[in-house]
């Protein structure tokens, strides 16, 4: 591993990700994996389902 790469890895360890950034990454991951298998899946569909899950979680007293 090069010194530059090691420096970048150490810097990345100190980055704090906001809840909004984490959710955005989660949705992007879900979209990327599902649309790969089924090209009819859209980002809008993933967003709708994520919102439904969040509402259900809030209704149950979750996050």
Protein backbone atom coordinates (compact mmCIF):
# COMPACT_ATOMS: atom_id res chain seq x y z
CA UNK A 1 0.00 0.00 0.00
CA UNK A 2 1.38 3.39 -0.94
CA UNK A 3 1.81 6.19 1.58
CA UNK A 4 -0.74 8.32 -0.29
CA UNK A 5 -3.34 5.57 -0.13
CA UNK A 6 -2.63 5.00 3.57
CA UNK A 7 -3.11 8.74 4.21
CA UNK A 8 -6.43 8.74 2.36
CA UNK A 9 -7.67 5.70 4.27
CA UNK A 10 -6.79 7.30 7.59
CA UNK A 11 -8.56 10.52 6.57
CA UNK A 12 -11.65 8.54 5.53
CA UNK A 13 -11.82 6.90 8.96
CA UNK A 14 -12.37 10.33 10.51
CA UNK A 15 -15.22 11.40 8.21
CA UNK A 16 -18.57 11.62 9.97
CA UNK A 17 -21.56 10.78 7.81
CA UNK A 18 -24.85 12.52 8.59
CA UNK A 19 -28.07 10.50 8.85
CA UNK A 20 -29.25 12.13 5.61
CA UNK A 21 -26.06 11.11 3.80
CA UNK A 22 -26.35 7.56 5.17
CA UNK A 23 -29.97 7.31 3.97
CA UNK A 24 -29.02 8.65 0.55
CA UNK A 25 -26.24 6.06 0.28
CA UNK A 26 -28.60 3.31 1.43
CA UNK A 27 -31.16 4.21 -1.23
CA UNK A 28 -28.51 4.48 -3.91
CA UNK A 29 -27.20 1.04 -2.97
CA UNK A 30 -30.72 -0.43 -3.06
CA UNK A 31 -31.41 1.16 -6.44
CA UNK A 32 -28.11 0.03 -7.92
CA UNK A 33 -28.59 -3.57 -6.85
CA UNK A 34 -32.25 -3.88 -7.79
CA UNK A 35 -32.08 -2.05 -11.11
CA UNK A 36 -29.17 -4.27 -12.11
CA UNK A 37 -31.50 -7.27 -11.87
CA UNK A 38 -34.66 -5.50 -13.11
CA UNK A 39 -34.24 -2.44 -15.31
CA UNK A 40 -37.87 -1.43 -14.70
CA UNK A 41 -36.95 -0.43 -11.13
CA UNK A 42 -36.60 3.35 -10.80
CA UNK A 43 -35.09 5.59 -8.14
CA UNK A 44 -38.58 6.92 -7.54
CA UNK A 45 -39.79 3.41 -6.71
CA UNK A 46 -36.93 2.92 -4.25
CA UNK A 47 -37.69 6.30 -2.64
CA UNK A 48 -41.39 5.44 -2.25
CA UNK A 49 -40.60 2.14 -0.58
CA UNK A 50 -38.00 3.73 1.69
CA UNK A 51 -40.57 6.30 2.80
CA UNK A 52 -43.13 3.56 3.51
CA UNK A 53 -40.58 1.69 5.60
CA UNK A 54 -39.66 4.85 7.50
CA UNK A 55 -43.33 5.60 8.23
CA UNK A 56 -43.92 2.06 9.48
CA UNK A 57 -40.82 2.27 11.67
CA UNK A 58 -41.95 5.59 13.16
CA UNK A 59 -45.44 4.18 13.78
CA UNK A 60 -43.87 1.33 15.76
CA UNK A 61 -41.83 3.78 17.83
CA UNK A 62 -38.56 3.03 16.05
CA UNK A 63 -35.91 5.44 14.82
